[in-house]
Amino acid sequence: MTNREQEILILPKNNPMISQCELADALHITRSSVGVHITNLMKKATF
């Protein structure tokens, strides 16, 4: 798991209602990048 993927997982832990746009703003990346990271996390979580 990359550092960025870990950040994507940690932020919602403190704020479960955070949107992808808010995640993107907090991490200073685009919304589409957040989507890519979430997709990658889902692939890694699937056995």
C-alpha atoms as a PDB file:
ATOM      1  CA  MET A   1       0.000   0.000   0.000  1.00  0.00           C
ATOM      2  CA  THR A   2       1.396   3.377  -0.982  1.00  0.00           C
ATOM      3  CA  ASN A   3       1.701   6.337   1.381  1.00  0.00           C
ATOM      4  CA  ARG A   4      -1.019   8.171  -0.539  1.00  0.00           C
ATOM      5  CA  GLU A   5      -3.369   5.196  -0.297  1.00  0.00           C
ATOM      6  CA  GLN A   6      -2.788   5.161   3.454  1.00  0.00           C
ATOM      7  CA  GLU A   7      -3.683   8.864   3.607  1.00  0.00           C
ATOM      8  CA  ILE A   8      -6.861   8.153   1.622  1.00  0.00           C
ATOM      9  CA  LEU A   9      -7.815   5.560   4.272  1.00  0.00           C
ATOM     10  CA  ILE A  10      -6.860   7.615   7.340  1.00  0.00           C
ATOM     11  CA  LEU A  11      -8.702  10.871   6.612  1.00  0.00           C
ATOM     12  CA  PRO A  12     -12.215   9.350   6.520  1.00  0.00           C
ATOM     13  CA  LYS A  13     -11.472   7.630   9.831  1.00  0.00           C
ATOM     14  CA  ASN A  14     -11.551  11.058  11.509  1.00  0.00           C
ATOM     15  CA  ASN A  15     -14.448  12.321   9.376  1.00  0.00           C
ATOM     16  CA  PRO A  16     -16.605   9.446   8.035  1.00  0.00           C
ATOM     17  CA  MET A  17     -18.785  11.792   5.972  1.00  0.00           C
ATOM     18  CA  ILE A  18     -15.880  13.315   3.993  1.00  0.00           C
ATOM     19  CA  SER A  19     -16.473  13.462   0.248  1.00  0.00           C
ATOM     20  CA  GLN A  20     -14.008  12.674  -2.513  1.00  0.00           C
ATOM     21  CA  CYS A  21     -13.806  16.397  -3.275  1.00  0.00           C
ATOM     22  CA  GLU A  22     -12.947  17.158   0.342  1.00  0.00           C
ATOM     23  CA  LEU A  23     -10.350  14.374   0.361  1.00  0.00           C
ATOM     24  CA  ALA A  24      -8.826  15.822  -2.790  1.00  0.00           C
ATOM     25  CA  ASP A  25      -8.689  19.314  -1.271  1.00  0.00           C
ATOM     26  CA  ALA A  26      -7.160  18.028   1.975  1.00  0.00           C
ATOM     27  CA  LEU A  27      -4.461  16.095   0.109  1.00  0.00           C
ATOM     28  CA  HIS A  28      -3.916  18.749  -2.577  1.00  0.00           C
ATOM     29  CA  ILE A  29      -4.669  16.326  -5.420  1.00  0.00           C
ATOM     30  CA  THR A  30      -7.429  16.098  -8.005  1.00  0.00           C
ATOM     31  CA  ARG A  31     -10.732  14.321  -7.412  1.00  0.00           C
ATOM     32  CA  SER A  32      -9.907  11.891 -10.197  1.00  0.00           C
ATOM     33  CA  SER A  33      -6.653  10.984  -8.404  1.00  0.00           C
ATOM     34  CA  VAL A  34      -8.671  10.205  -5.278  1.00  0.00           C
ATOM     35  CA  GLY A  35     -10.853   7.920  -7.401  1.00  0.00           C
ATOM     36  CA  VAL A  36      -7.809   6.130  -8.803  1.00  0.00           C
ATOM     37  CA  HIS A  37      -6.404   5.579  -5.317  1.00  0.00           C
ATOM     38  CA  ILE A  38      -9.755   4.246  -4.077  1.00  0.00           C
ATOM     39  CA  THR A  39      -9.977   1.898  -7.075  1.00  0.00           C
ATOM     40  CA  ASN A  40      -6.461   0.633  -6.386  1.00  0.00           C
ATOM     41  CA  LEU A  41      -7.322   0.084  -2.726  1.00  0.00           C
ATOM     42  CA  MET A  42     -10.421  -1.880  -3.681  1.00  0.00           C
ATOM     43  CA  LYS A  43      -8.385  -4.079  -6.023  1.00  0.00           C
ATOM     44  CA  LYS A  44      -5.867  -4.746  -3.266  1.00  0.00           C
ATOM     45  CA  ALA A  45      -8.647  -5.558  -0.789  1.00  0.00           C
ATOM     46  CA  THR A  46     -10.239  -8.112  -3.137  1.00  0.00           C
ATOM     47  CA  PHE A  47      -8.909 -11.627  -2.733  1.00  0.00           C
END
